[in-house]
Amino acid sequence: MRLVIVLAALVAALTVVGIAPEAGAVVRCGTVSVQEYGVAKPLVYRVRIVKGGISCRTARRVLGYFMRKNVSPQGWYCARGHASQNQAWAAACGTRAGALIRSYGPVRR
């Protein structure tokens, strides 16, 4: 009986280790669509969590809000990226707690 419990715990631990992202790994969170002024079709941007324990849903909401309204959501500081400064990201947002999210694109379709 003891052996079965130990094996079950070992399998569970290995499963968790295999699923959990590496420390410092970037998490891909899908895309966010933004209707920009003067553009007929919405532009699509890839969303990534660079640092911090936030959900993909929160990352998409924060970046989408900032990119649509050009205002940082409460508790976040956001900025646009500039190609002239060799920044590959279109927008980035962070918190005082250290979370960092970025959007890349627009994606060409």
PDB file of N, CA and C in Angstrom:
ATOM      1  N   MET A   1       0.818  -1.186   0.000  1.00  0.00           N
ATOM      2  CA  MET A   1       0.000   0.000   0.000  1.00  0.00           C
ATOM      3  C   MET A   1       0.869   1.260   0.000  1.00  0.00           C
ATOM      4  N   ARG A   2       1.909   1.221   0.827  1.00  0.00           N
ATOM      5  CA  ARG A   2       2.817   2.346   0.904  1.00  0.00           C
ATOM      6  C   ARG A   2       3.497   2.597  -0.441  1.00  0.00           C
ATOM      7  N   LEU A   3       3.867   1.531  -1.126  1.00  0.00           N
ATOM      8  CA  LEU A   3       4.517   1.634  -2.428  1.00  0.00           C
ATOM      9  C   LEU A   3       3.595   2.289  -3.451  1.00  0.00           C
ATOM     10  N   VAL A   4       2.327   1.953  -3.426  1.00  0.00           N
ATOM     11  CA  VAL A   4       1.351   2.534  -4.355  1.00  0.00           C
ATOM     12  C   VAL A   4       1.234   4.036  -4.126  1.00  0.00           C
ATOM     13  N   ILE A   5       1.193   4.460  -2.876  1.00  0.00           N
ATOM     14  CA  ILE A   5       1.091   5.887  -2.555  1.00  0.00           C
ATOM     15  C   ILE A   5       2.343   6.628  -3.008  1.00  0.00           C
ATOM     16  N   VAL A   6       3.508   6.046  -2.762  1.00  0.00           N
ATOM     17  CA  VAL A   6       4.767   6.667  -3.177  1.00  0.00           C
ATOM     18  C   VAL A   6       4.826   6.785  -4.698  1.00  0.00           C
ATOM     19  N   LEU A   7       4.438   5.734  -5.409  1.00  0.00           N
ATOM     20  CA  LEU A   7       4.442   5.778  -6.874  1.00  0.00           C
ATOM     21  C   LEU A   7       3.451   6.808  -7.404  1.00  0.00           C
ATOM     22  N   ALA A   8       2.281   6.887  -6.794  1.00  0.00           N
ATOM     23  CA  ALA A   8       1.283   7.874  -7.218  1.00  0.00           C
ATOM     24  C   ALA A   8       1.808   9.295  -7.013  1.00  0.00           C
ATOM     25  N   ALA A   9       2.458   9.535  -5.883  1.00  0.00           N
ATOM     26  CA  ALA A   9       3.031  10.852  -5.610  1.00  0.00           C
ATOM     27  C   ALA A   9       4.145  11.179  -6.598  1.00  0.00           C
ATOM     28  N   LEU A  10       4.963  10.199  -6.930  1.00  0.00           N
ATOM     29  CA  LEU A  10       6.048  10.395  -7.884  1.00  0.00           C
ATOM     30  C   LEU A  10       5.509  10.728  -9.270  1.00  0.00           C
ATOM     31  N   VAL A  11       4.503   9.999  -9.714  1.00  0.00           N
ATOM     32  CA  VAL A  11       3.890  10.264 -11.026  1.00  0.00           C
ATOM     33  C   VAL A  11       3.275  11.658 -11.047  1.00  0.00           C
ATOM     34  N   ALA A  12       2.593  12.038  -9.973  1.00  0.00           N
ATOM     35  CA  ALA A  12       1.986  13.369  -9.897  1.00  0.00           C
ATOM     36  C   ALA A  12       3.055  14.460  -9.946  1.00  0.00           C
ATOM     37  N   ALA A  13       4.146  14.267  -9.232  1.00  0.00           N
ATOM     38  CA  ALA A  13       5.226  15.254  -9.220  1.00  0.00           C
ATOM     39  C   ALA A  13       5.867  15.393 -10.594  1.00  0.00           C
ATOM     40  N   LEU A  14       6.104  14.288 -11.260  1.00  0.00           N
ATOM     41  CA  LEU A  14       6.696  14.339 -12.599  1.00  0.00           C
ATOM     42  C   LEU A  14       5.754  14.995 -13.594  1.00  0.00           C
ATOM     43  N   THR A  15       4.474  14.773 -13.447  1.00  0.00           N
ATOM     44  CA  THR A  15       3.495  15.397 -14.333  1.00  0.00           C
ATOM     45  C   THR A  15       3.498  16.904 -14.153  1.00  0.00           C
ATOM     46  N   VAL A  16       3.520  17.359 -12.918  1.00  0.00           N
ATOM     47  CA  VAL A  16       3.537  18.792 -12.645  1.00  0.00           C
ATOM     48  C   VAL A  16       4.805  19.425 -13.190  1.00  0.00           C
ATOM     49  N   VAL A  17       5.928  18.780 -13.008  1.00  0.00           N
ATOM     50  CA  VAL A  17       7.196  19.310 -13.512  1.00  0.00           C
ATOM     51  C   VAL A  17       7.168  19.398 -15.032  1.00  0.00           C
ATOM     52  N   GLY A  18       6.576  18.439 -15.692  1.00  0.00           N
ATOM     53  CA  GLY A  18       6.503  18.447 -17.149  1.00  0.00           C
ATOM     54  C   GLY A  18       5.576  19.510 -17.698  1.00  0.00           C
ATOM     55  N   ILE A  19       4.552  19.876 -16.933  1.00  0.00           N
ATOM     56  CA  ILE A  19       3.572  20.850 -17.406  1.00  0.00           C
ATOM     57  C   ILE A  19       3.996  22.276 -17.080  1.00  0.00           C
ATOM     58  N   ALA A  20       4.581  22.503 -15.947  1.00  0.00           N
ATOM     59  CA  ALA A  20       4.927  23.849 -15.509  1.00  0.00           C
ATOM     60  C   ALA A  20       5.996  24.451 -16.414  1.00  0.00           C
ATOM     61  N   PRO A  21       5.824  25.735 -16.794  1.00  0.00           N
ATOM     62  CA  PRO A  21       6.846  26.376 -17.619  1.00  0.00           C
ATOM     63  C   PRO A  21       8.123  26.610 -16.827  1.00  0.00           C
ATOM     64  N   GLU A  22       9.231  26.676 -17.525  1.00  0.00           N
ATOM     65  CA  GLU A  22      10.514  26.931 -16.888  1.00  0.00           C
ATOM     66  C   GLU A  22      10.520  28.333 -16.294  1.00  0.00           C
ATOM     67  N   ALA A  23      11.329  28.529 -15.274  1.00  0.00           N
ATOM     68  CA  ALA A  23      11.468  29.864 -14.707  1.00  0.00           C
ATOM     69  C   ALA A  23      12.043  30.785 -15.772  1.00  0.00           C
ATOM     70  N   GLY A  24      11.423  31.909 -15.971  1.00  0.00           N
ATOM     71  CA  GLY A  24      11.876  32.849 -16.982  1.00  0.00           C
ATOM     72  C   GLY A  24      11.357  32.560 -18.372  1.00  0.00           C
ATOM     73  N   ALA A  25      10.536  31.528 -18.522  1.00  0.00           N
ATOM     74  CA  ALA A  25       9.991  31.195 -19.834  1.00  0.00           C
ATOM     75  C   ALA A  25       8.872  32.165 -20.192  1.00  0.00           C
ATOM     76  N   VAL A  26       8.840  32.573 -21.445  1.00  0.00           N
ATOM     77  CA  VAL A  26       7.784  33.449 -21.943  1.00  0.00           C
ATOM     78  C   VAL A  26       6.546  32.606 -22.217  1.00  0.00           C
ATOM     79  N   VAL A  27       5.381  33.100 -21.784  1.00  0.00           N
ATOM     80  CA  VAL A  27       4.120  32.387 -21.981  1.00  0.00           C
ATOM     81  C   VAL A  27       3.377  33.017 -23.153  1.00  0.00           C
ATOM     82  N   ARG A  28       3.003  32.204 -24.120  1.00  0.00           N
ATOM     83  CA  ARG A  28       2.244  32.681 -25.277  1.00  0.00           C
ATOM     84  C   ARG A  28       0.766  32.704 -24.928  1.00  0.00           C
ATOM     85  N   CYS A  29       0.113  33.824 -25.197  1.00  0.00           N
ATOM     86  CA  CYS A  29      -1.287  34.000 -24.784  1.00  0.00           C
ATOM     87  C   CYS A  29      -2.231  34.291 -25.940  1.00  0.00           C
ATOM     88  N   GLY A  30      -1.900  33.857 -27.117  1.00  0.00           N
ATOM     89  CA  GLY A  30      -2.815  34.079 -28.235  1.00  0.00           C
ATOM     90  C   GLY A  30      -2.691  35.481 -28.792  1.00  0.00           C
ATOM     91  N   THR A  31      -3.820  36.013 -29.259  1.00  0.00           N
ATOM     92  CA  THR A  31      -3.790  37.307 -29.933  1.00  0.00           C
ATOM     93  C   THR A  31      -4.865  38.238 -29.390  1.00  0.00           C
ATOM     94  N   VAL A  32      -4.706  39.510 -29.718  1.00  0.00           N
ATOM     95  CA  VAL A  32      -5.704  40.530 -29.427  1.00  0.00           C
ATOM     96  C   VAL A  32      -5.890  41.345 -30.705  1.00  0.00           C
ATOM     97  N   SER A  33      -7.155  41.638 -31.051  1.00  0.00           N
ATOM     98  CA  SER A  33      -7.469  42.425 -32.249  1.00  0.00           C
ATOM     99  C   SER A  33      -7.763  43.860 -31.848  1.00  0.00           C
ATOM    100  N   VAL A  34      -7.215  44.798 -32.616  1.00  0.00           N
ATOM    101  CA  VAL A  34      -7.384  46.216 -32.316  1.00  0.00           C
ATOM    102  C   VAL A  34      -7.791  46.945 -33.588  1.00  0.00           C
ATOM    103  N   GLN A  35      -8.893  47.670 -33.513  1.00  0.00           N
ATOM    104  CA  GLN A  35      -9.340  48.491 -34.642  1.00  0.00           C
ATOM    105  C   GLN A  35      -8.665  49.844 -34.508  1.00  0.00           C
ATOM    106  N   GLU A  36      -7.711  50.132 -35.379  1.00  0.00           N
ATOM    107  CA  GLU A  36      -6.995  51.396 -35.298  1.00  0.00           C
ATOM    108  C   GLU A  36      -7.577  52.395 -36.284  1.00  0.00           C
ATOM    109  N   TYR A  37      -7.441  53.662 -35.949  1.00  0.00           N
ATOM    110  CA  TYR A  37      -7.998  54.739 -36.757  1.00  0.00           C
ATOM    111  C   TYR A  37      -7.407  54.721 -38.162  1.00  0.00           C
ATOM    112  N   GLY A  38      -8.276  54.777 -39.160  1.00  0.00           N
ATOM    113  CA  GLY A  38      -7.839  54.841 -40.546  1.00  0.00           C
ATOM    114  C   GLY A  38      -7.525  53.504 -41.183  1.00  0.00           C
ATOM    115  N   VAL A  39      -7.686  52.420 -40.454  1.00  0.00           N
ATOM    116  CA  VAL A  39      -7.410  51.087 -40.985  1.00  0.00           C
ATOM    117  C   VAL A  39      -8.732  50.331 -41.066  1.00  0.00           C
ATOM    118  N   ALA A  40      -9.045  49.797 -42.254  1.00  0.00           N
ATOM    119  CA  ALA A  40     -10.336  49.132 -42.463  1.00  0.00           C
ATOM    120  C   ALA A  40     -10.472  47.861 -41.627  1.00  0.00           C
ATOM    121  N   LYS A  41      -9.467  46.994 -41.670  1.00  0.00           N
ATOM    122  CA  LYS A  41      -9.526  45.724 -40.939  1.00  0.00           C
ATOM    123  C   LYS A  41      -8.818  45.862 -39.597  1.00  0.00           C
ATOM    124  N   PRO A  42      -9.323  45.163 -38.579  1.00  0.00           N
ATOM    125  CA  PRO A  42      -8.613  45.217 -37.290  1.00  0.00           C
ATOM    126  C   PRO A  42      -7.216  44.604 -37.407  1.00  0.00           C
ATOM    127  N   LEU A  43      -6.286  45.167 -36.678  1.00  0.00           N
ATOM    128  CA  LEU A  43      -4.925  44.639 -36.645  1.00  0.00           C
ATOM    129  C   LEU A  43      -4.827  43.618 -35.516  1.00  0.00           C
ATOM    130  N   VAL A  44      -4.093  42.544 -35.748  1.00  0.00           N
ATOM    131  CA  VAL A  44      -3.975  41.451 -34.781  1.00  0.00           C
ATOM    132  C   VAL A  44      -2.549  41.430 -34.232  1.00  0.00           C
ATOM    133  N   TYR A  45      -2.438  41.387 -32.912  1.00  0.00           N
ATOM    134  CA  TYR A  45      -1.143  41.379 -32.236  1.00  0.00           C
ATOM    135  C   TYR A  45      -1.006  40.126 -31.378  1.00  0.00           C
ATOM    136  N   ARG A  46       0.192  39.542 -31.339  1.00  0.00           N
ATOM    137  CA  ARG A  46       0.477  38.390 -30.474  1.00  0.00           C
ATOM    138  C   ARG A  46       0.753  38.895 -29.056  1.00  0.00           C
ATOM    139  N   VAL A  47       0.224  38.204 -28.060  1.00  0.00           N
ATOM    140  CA  VAL A  47       0.379  38.606 -26.659  1.00  0.00           C
ATOM    141  C   VAL A  47       1.283  37.607 -25.943  1.00  0.00           C
ATOM    142  N   ARG A  48       2.235  38.122 -25.162  1.00  0.00           N
ATOM    143  CA  ARG A  48       3.168  37.283 -24.416  1.00  0.00           C
ATOM    144  C   ARG A  48       3.297  37.790 -22.981  1.00  0.00           C
ATOM    145  N   ILE A  49       3.348  36.851 -22.029  1.00  0.00           N
ATOM    146  CA  ILE A  49       3.680  37.196 -20.648  1.00  0.00           C
ATOM    147  C   ILE A  49       5.177  36.949 -20.502  1.00  0.00           C
ATOM    148  N   VAL A  50       5.924  38.003 -20.280  1.00  0.00           N
ATOM    149  CA  VAL A  50       7.377  37.907 -20.168  1.00  0.00           C
ATOM    150  C   VAL A  50       7.778  37.552 -18.740  1.00  0.00           C
ATOM    151  N   LYS A  51       7.056  38.113 -17.759  1.00  0.00           N
ATOM    152  CA  LYS A  51       7.407  37.901 -16.359  1.00  0.00           C
ATOM    153  C   LYS A  51       6.164  38.103 -15.497  1.00  0.00           C
ATOM    154  N   GLY A  52       6.023  37.307 -14.471  1.00  0.00           N
ATOM    155  CA  GLY A  52       4.932  37.500 -13.518  1.00  0.00           C
ATOM    156  C   GLY A  52       3.883  36.414 -13.594  1.00  0.00           C
ATOM    157  N   GLY A  53       3.152  36.267 -12.525  1.00  0.00           N
ATOM    158  CA  GLY A  53       2.151  35.214 -12.426  1.00  0.00           C
ATOM    159  C   GLY A  53       0.753  35.704 -12.731  1.00  0.00           C
ATOM    160  N   ILE A  54       0.531  36.244 -13.906  1.00  0.00           N
ATOM    161  CA  ILE A  54      -0.806  36.700 -14.283  1.00  0.00           C
ATOM    162  C   ILE A  54      -1.383  35.750 -15.320  1.00  0.00           C
ATOM    163  N   SER A  55      -2.681  35.816 -15.509  1.00  0.00           N
ATOM    164  CA  SER A  55      -3.338  34.925 -16.469  1.00  0.00           C
ATOM    165  C   SER A  55      -3.265  35.511 -17.875  1.00  0.00           C
ATOM    166  N   CYS A  56      -3.416  34.641 -18.858  1.00  0.00           N
ATOM    167  CA  CYS A  56      -3.443  35.092 -20.251  1.00  0.00           C
ATOM    168  C   CYS A  56      -4.640  36.006 -20.490  1.00  0.00           C
ATOM    169  N   ARG A  57      -5.750  35.703 -19.831  1.00  0.00           N
ATOM    170  CA  ARG A  57      -6.944  36.536 -19.987  1.00  0.00           C
ATOM    171  C   ARG A  57      -6.648  37.970 -19.542  1.00  0.00           C
ATOM    172  N   THR A  58      -5.986  38.125 -18.407  1.00  0.00           N
ATOM    173  CA  THR A  58      -5.626  39.455 -17.915  1.00  0.00           C
ATOM    174  C   THR A  58      -4.659  40.137 -18.870  1.00  0.00           C
ATOM    175  N   ALA A  59      -3.681  39.408 -19.368  1.00  0.00           N
ATOM    176  CA  ALA A  59      -2.702  39.983 -20.299  1.00  0.00           C
ATOM    177  C   ALA A  59      -3.391  40.505 -21.556  1.00  0.00           C
ATOM    178  N   ARG A  60      -4.298  39.708 -22.127  1.00  0.00           N
ATOM    179  CA  ARG A  60      -5.015  40.143 -23.333  1.00  0.00           C
ATOM    180  C   ARG A  60      -5.895  41.361 -23.045  1.00  0.00           C
ATOM    181  N   ARG A  61      -6.564  41.358 -21.907  1.00  0.00           N
ATOM    182  CA  ARG A  61      -7.441  42.486 -21.553  1.00  0.00           C
ATOM    183  C   ARG A  61      -6.652  43.774 -21.354  1.00  0.00           C
ATOM    184  N   VAL A  62      -5.555  43.705 -20.627  1.00  0.00           N
ATOM    185  CA  VAL A  62      -4.752  44.895 -20.341  1.00  0.00           C
ATOM    186  C   VAL A  62      -4.171  45.469 -21.629  1.00  0.00           C
ATOM    187  N   LEU A  63      -3.548  44.629 -22.440  1.00  0.00           N
ATOM    188  CA  LEU A  63      -2.944  45.127 -23.682  1.00  0.00           C
ATOM    189  C   LEU A  63      -4.003  45.614 -24.663  1.00  0.00           C
ATOM    190  N   GLY A  64      -5.113  44.898 -24.761  1.00  0.00           N
ATOM    191  CA  GLY A  64      -6.193  45.332 -25.651  1.00  0.00           C
ATOM    192  C   GLY A  64      -6.736  46.691 -25.246  1.00  0.00           C
ATOM    193  N   TYR A  65      -6.964  46.892 -23.958  1.00  0.00           N
ATOM    194  CA  TYR A  65      -7.466  48.168 -23.452  1.00  0.00           C
ATOM    195  C   TYR A  65      -6.486  49.294 -23.771  1.00  0.00           C
ATOM    196  N   PHE A  66      -5.216  49.058 -23.473  1.00  0.00           N
ATOM    197  CA  PHE A  66      -4.213  50.100 -23.733  1.00  0.00           C
ATOM    198  C   PHE A  66      -4.109  50.423 -25.222  1.00  0.00           C
ATOM    199  N   MET A  67      -4.106  49.414 -26.054  1.00  0.00           N
ATOM    200  CA  MET A  67      -3.922  49.651 -27.485  1.00  0.00           C
ATOM    201  C   MET A  67      -5.157  50.293 -28.124  1.00  0.00           C
ATOM    202  N   ARG A  68      -6.341  50.056 -27.571  1.00  0.00           N
ATOM    203  CA  ARG A  68      -7.560  50.677 -28.106  1.00  0.00           C
ATOM    204  C   ARG A  68      -7.728  52.119 -27.628  1.00  0.00           C
ATOM    205  N   LYS A  69      -7.466  52.361 -26.343  1.00  0.00           N
ATOM    206  CA  LYS A  69      -7.772  53.658 -25.739  1.00  0.00           C
ATOM    207  C   LYS A  69      -6.542  54.531 -25.490  1.00  0.00           C
ATOM    208  N   ASN A  70      -5.355  53.950 -25.595  1.00  0.00           N
ATOM    209  CA  ASN A  70      -4.100  54.666 -25.348  1.00  0.00           C
ATOM    210  C   ASN A  70      -4.011  55.179 -23.908  1.00  0.00           C
ATOM    211  N   VAL A  71      -4.613  54.416 -22.988  1.00  0.00           N
ATOM    212  CA  VAL A  71      -4.604  54.743 -21.563  1.00  0.00           C
ATOM    213  C   VAL A  71      -4.219  53.479 -20.803  1.00  0.00           C
ATOM    214  N   SER A  72      -3.322  53.616 -19.842  1.00  0.00           N
ATOM    215  CA  SER A  72      -2.931  52.456 -19.027  1.00  0.00           C
ATOM    216  C   SER A  72      -4.052  52.103 -18.055  1.00  0.00           C
ATOM    217  N   PRO A  73      -4.421  50.813 -17.967  1.00  0.00           N
ATOM    218  CA  PRO A  73      -5.420  50.408 -16.970  1.00  0.00           C
ATOM    219  C   PRO A  73      -4.891  50.649 -15.553  1.00  0.00           C
ATOM    220  N   GLN A  74      -5.802  50.790 -14.594  1.00  0.00           N
ATOM    221  CA  GLN A  74      -5.411  51.046 -13.212  1.00  0.00           C
ATOM    222  C   GLN A  74      -4.489  49.940 -12.698  1.00  0.00           C
ATOM    223  N   GLY A  75      -3.385  50.349 -12.096  1.00  0.00           N
ATOM    224  CA  GLY A  75      -2.422  49.395 -11.552  1.00  0.00           C
ATOM    225  C   GLY A  75      -1.356  48.965 -12.548  1.00  0.00           C
ATOM    226  N   TRP A  76      -1.444  49.446 -13.771  1.00  0.00           N
ATOM    227  CA  TRP A  76      -0.499  49.089 -14.826  1.00  0.00           C
ATOM    228  C   TRP A  76       0.143  50.349 -15.387  1.00  0.00           C
ATOM    229  N   TYR A  77       1.363  50.221 -15.889  1.00  0.00           N
ATOM    230  CA  TYR A  77       2.014  51.281 -16.648  1.00  0.00           C
ATOM    231  C   TYR A  77       2.323  50.701 -18.018  1.00  0.00           C
ATOM    232  N   CYS A  78       1.830  51.354 -19.069  1.00  0.00           N
ATOM    233  CA  CYS A  78       1.999  50.829 -20.430  1.00  0.00           C
ATOM    234  C   CYS A  78       2.712  51.837 -21.323  1.00  0.00           C
ATOM    235  N   ALA A  79       3.404  51.328 -22.331  1.00  0.00           N
ATOM    236  CA  ALA A  79       4.109  52.168 -23.295  1.00  0.00           C
ATOM    237  C   ALA A  79       4.107  51.484 -24.655  1.00  0.00           C
ATOM    238  N   ARG A  80       4.209  52.283 -25.694  1.00  0.00           N
ATOM    239  CA  ARG A  80       4.313  51.770 -27.064  1.00  0.00           C
ATOM    240  C   ARG A  80       5.776  51.505 -27.392  1.00  0.00           C
ATOM    241  N   GLY A  81       6.013  50.490 -28.208  1.00  0.00           N
ATOM    242  CA  GLY A  81       7.360  50.196 -28.673  1.00  0.00           C
ATOM    243  C   GLY A  81       7.683  51.031 -29.900  1.00  0.00           C
ATOM    244  N   HIS A  82       8.948  51.251 -30.148  1.00  0.00           N
ATOM    245  CA  HIS A  82       9.377  52.050 -31.293  1.00  0.00           C
ATOM    246  C   HIS A  82      10.469  51.302 -32.052  1.00  0.00           C
ATOM    247  N   ALA A  83      10.223  51.055 -33.323  1.00  0.00           N
ATOM    248  CA  ALA A  83      11.190  50.343 -34.155  1.00  0.00           C
ATOM    249  C   ALA A  83      12.508  51.115 -34.242  1.00  0.00           C
ATOM    250  N   SER A  84      12.441  52.450 -34.183  1.00  0.00           N
ATOM    251  CA  SER A  84      13.660  53.255 -34.266  1.00  0.00           C
ATOM    252  C   SER A  84      14.574  53.024 -33.062  1.00  0.00           C
ATOM    253  N   GLN A  85      14.026  52.473 -31.986  1.00  0.00           N
ATOM    254  CA  GLN A  85      14.818  52.161 -30.797  1.00  0.00           C
ATOM    255  C   GLN A  85      15.086  50.663 -30.694  1.00  0.00           C
ATOM    256  N   ASN A  86      14.909  49.964 -31.819  1.00  0.00           N
ATOM    257  CA  ASN A  86      15.143  48.517 -31.918  1.00  0.00           C
ATOM    258  C   ASN A  86      14.285  47.710 -30.943  1.00  0.00           C
ATOM    259  N   GLN A  87      13.047  48.140 -30.750  1.00  0.00           N
ATOM    260  CA  GLN A  87      12.106  47.411 -29.902  1.00  0.00           C
ATOM    261  C   GLN A  87      11.195  46.591 -30.801  1.00  0.00           C
ATOM    262  N   ALA A  88      11.204  45.281 -30.634  1.00  0.00           N
ATOM    263  CA  ALA A  88      10.406  44.396 -31.484  1.00  0.00           C
ATOM    264  C   ALA A  88       8.940  44.381 -31.071  1.00  0.00           C
ATOM    265  N   TRP A  89       8.637  44.827 -29.865  1.00  0.00           N
ATOM    266  CA  TRP A  89       7.265  44.781 -29.368  1.00  0.00           C
ATOM    267  C   TRP A  89       6.504  46.047 -29.735  1.00  0.00           C
ATOM    268  N   ALA A  90       5.187  45.892 -29.911  1.00  0.00           N
ATOM    269  CA  ALA A  90       4.326  47.023 -30.257  1.00  0.00           C
ATOM    270  C   ALA A  90       3.882  47.783 -29.010  1.00  0.00           C
ATOM    271  N   ALA A  91       3.621  47.051 -27.926  1.00  0.00           N
ATOM    272  CA  ALA A  91       3.228  47.669 -26.660  1.00  0.00           C
ATOM    273  C   ALA A  91       3.694  46.772 -25.523  1.00  0.00           C
ATOM    274  N   ALA A  92       3.961  47.389 -24.385  1.00  0.00           N
ATOM    275  CA  ALA A  92       4.363  46.638 -23.194  1.00  0.00           C
ATOM    276  C   ALA A  92       3.704  47.266 -21.979  1.00  0.00           C
ATOM    277  N   CYS A  93       3.319  46.423 -21.030  1.00  0.00           N
ATOM    278  CA  CYS A  93       2.705  46.900 -19.790  1.00  0.00           C
ATOM    279  C   CYS A  93       3.348  46.176 -18.615  1.00  0.00           C
ATOM    280  N   GLY A  94       3.475  46.884 -17.505  1.00  0.00           N
ATOM    281  CA  GLY A  94       4.055  46.287 -16.311  1.00  0.00           C
ATOM    282  C   GLY A  94       3.361  46.778 -15.054  1.00  0.00           C
ATOM    283  N   THR A  95       3.615  46.071 -13.954  1.00  0.00           N
ATOM    284  CA  THR A  95       3.076  46.453 -12.655  1.00  0.00           C
ATOM    285  C   THR A  95       4.223  46.682 -11.682  1.00  0.00           C
ATOM    286  N   ARG A  96       3.904  47.292 -10.556  1.00  0.00           N
ATOM    287  CA  ARG A  96       4.921  47.482  -9.512  1.00  0.00           C
ATOM    288  C   ARG A  96       5.380  46.154  -8.941  1.00  0.00           C
ATOM    289  N   ALA A  97       4.512  45.154  -9.009  1.00  0.00           N
ATOM    290  CA  ALA A  97       4.852  43.823  -8.487  1.00  0.00           C
ATOM    291  C   ALA A  97       5.844  43.086  -9.385  1.00  0.00           C
ATOM    292  N   GLY A  98       6.085  43.608 -10.590  1.00  0.00           N
ATOM    293  CA  GLY A  98       7.080  43.004 -11.466  1.00  0.00           C
ATOM    294  C   GLY A  98       6.539  42.244 -12.657  1.00  0.00           C
ATOM    295  N   ALA A  99       5.221  42.216 -12.841  1.00  0.00           N
ATOM    296  CA  ALA A  99       4.657  41.546 -14.020  1.00  0.00           C
ATOM    297  C   ALA A  99       5.003  42.358 -15.265  1.00  0.00           C
ATOM    298  N   LEU A 100       5.276  41.665 -16.365  1.00  0.00           N
ATOM    299  CA  LEU A 100       5.596  42.326 -17.628  1.00  0.00           C
ATOM    300  C   LEU A 100       4.937  41.563 -18.763  1.00  0.00           C
ATOM    301  N   ILE A 101       4.121  42.267 -19.546  1.00  0.00           N
ATOM    302  CA  ILE A 101       3.462  41.666 -20.709  1.00  0.00           C
ATOM    303  C   ILE A 101       3.765  42.514 -21.933  1.00  0.00           C
ATOM    304  N   ARG A 102       3.805  41.866 -23.087  1.00  0.00           N
ATOM    305  CA  ARG A 102       4.101  42.580 -24.338  1.00  0.00           C
ATOM    306  C   ARG A 102       3.223  42.066 -25.462  1.00  0.00           C
ATOM    307  N   SER A 103       2.984  42.945 -26.432  1.00  0.00           N
ATOM    308  CA  SER A 103       2.304  42.528 -27.659  1.00  0.00           C
ATOM    309  C   SER A 103       3.272  42.742 -28.812  1.00  0.00           C
ATOM    310  N   TYR A 104       3.228  41.826 -29.756  1.00  0.00           N
ATOM    311  CA  TYR A 104       4.109  41.871 -30.924  1.00  0.00           C
ATOM    312  C   TYR A 104       3.253  41.876 -32.182  1.00  0.00           C
ATOM    313  N   GLY A 105       3.690  42.610 -33.175  1.00  0.00           N
ATOM    314  CA  GLY A 105       2.937  42.597 -34.425  1.00  0.00           C
ATOM    315  C   GLY A 105       2.889  43.973 -35.037  1.00  0.00           C
ATOM    316  N   PRO A 106       1.917  44.206 -35.878  1.00  0.00           N
ATOM    317  CA  PRO A 106       0.765  43.353 -36.159  1.00  0.00           C
ATOM    318  C   PRO A 106       1.141  42.121 -36.980  1.00  0.00           C
ATOM    319  N   VAL A 107       0.333  41.088 -36.803  1.00  0.00           N
ATOM    320  CA  VAL A 107       0.525  39.836 -37.527  1.00  0.00           C
ATOM    321  C   VAL A 107       0.049  40.039 -38.955  1.00  0.00           C
ATOM    322  N   ARG A 108       0.836  39.607 -39.903  1.00  0.00           N
ATOM    323  CA  ARG A 108       0.442  39.733 -41.316  1.00  0.00           C
ATOM    324  C   ARG A 108      -0.446  38.562 -41.687  1.00  0.00           C
ATOM    325  N   ARG A 109      -1.538  38.843 -42.351  1.00  0.00           N
ATOM    326  CA  ARG A 109      -2.475  37.789 -42.756  1.00  0.00           C
ATOM    327  C   ARG A 109      -2.637  37.783 -44.245  1.00  0.00           C
TER     328      ARG A 109
END
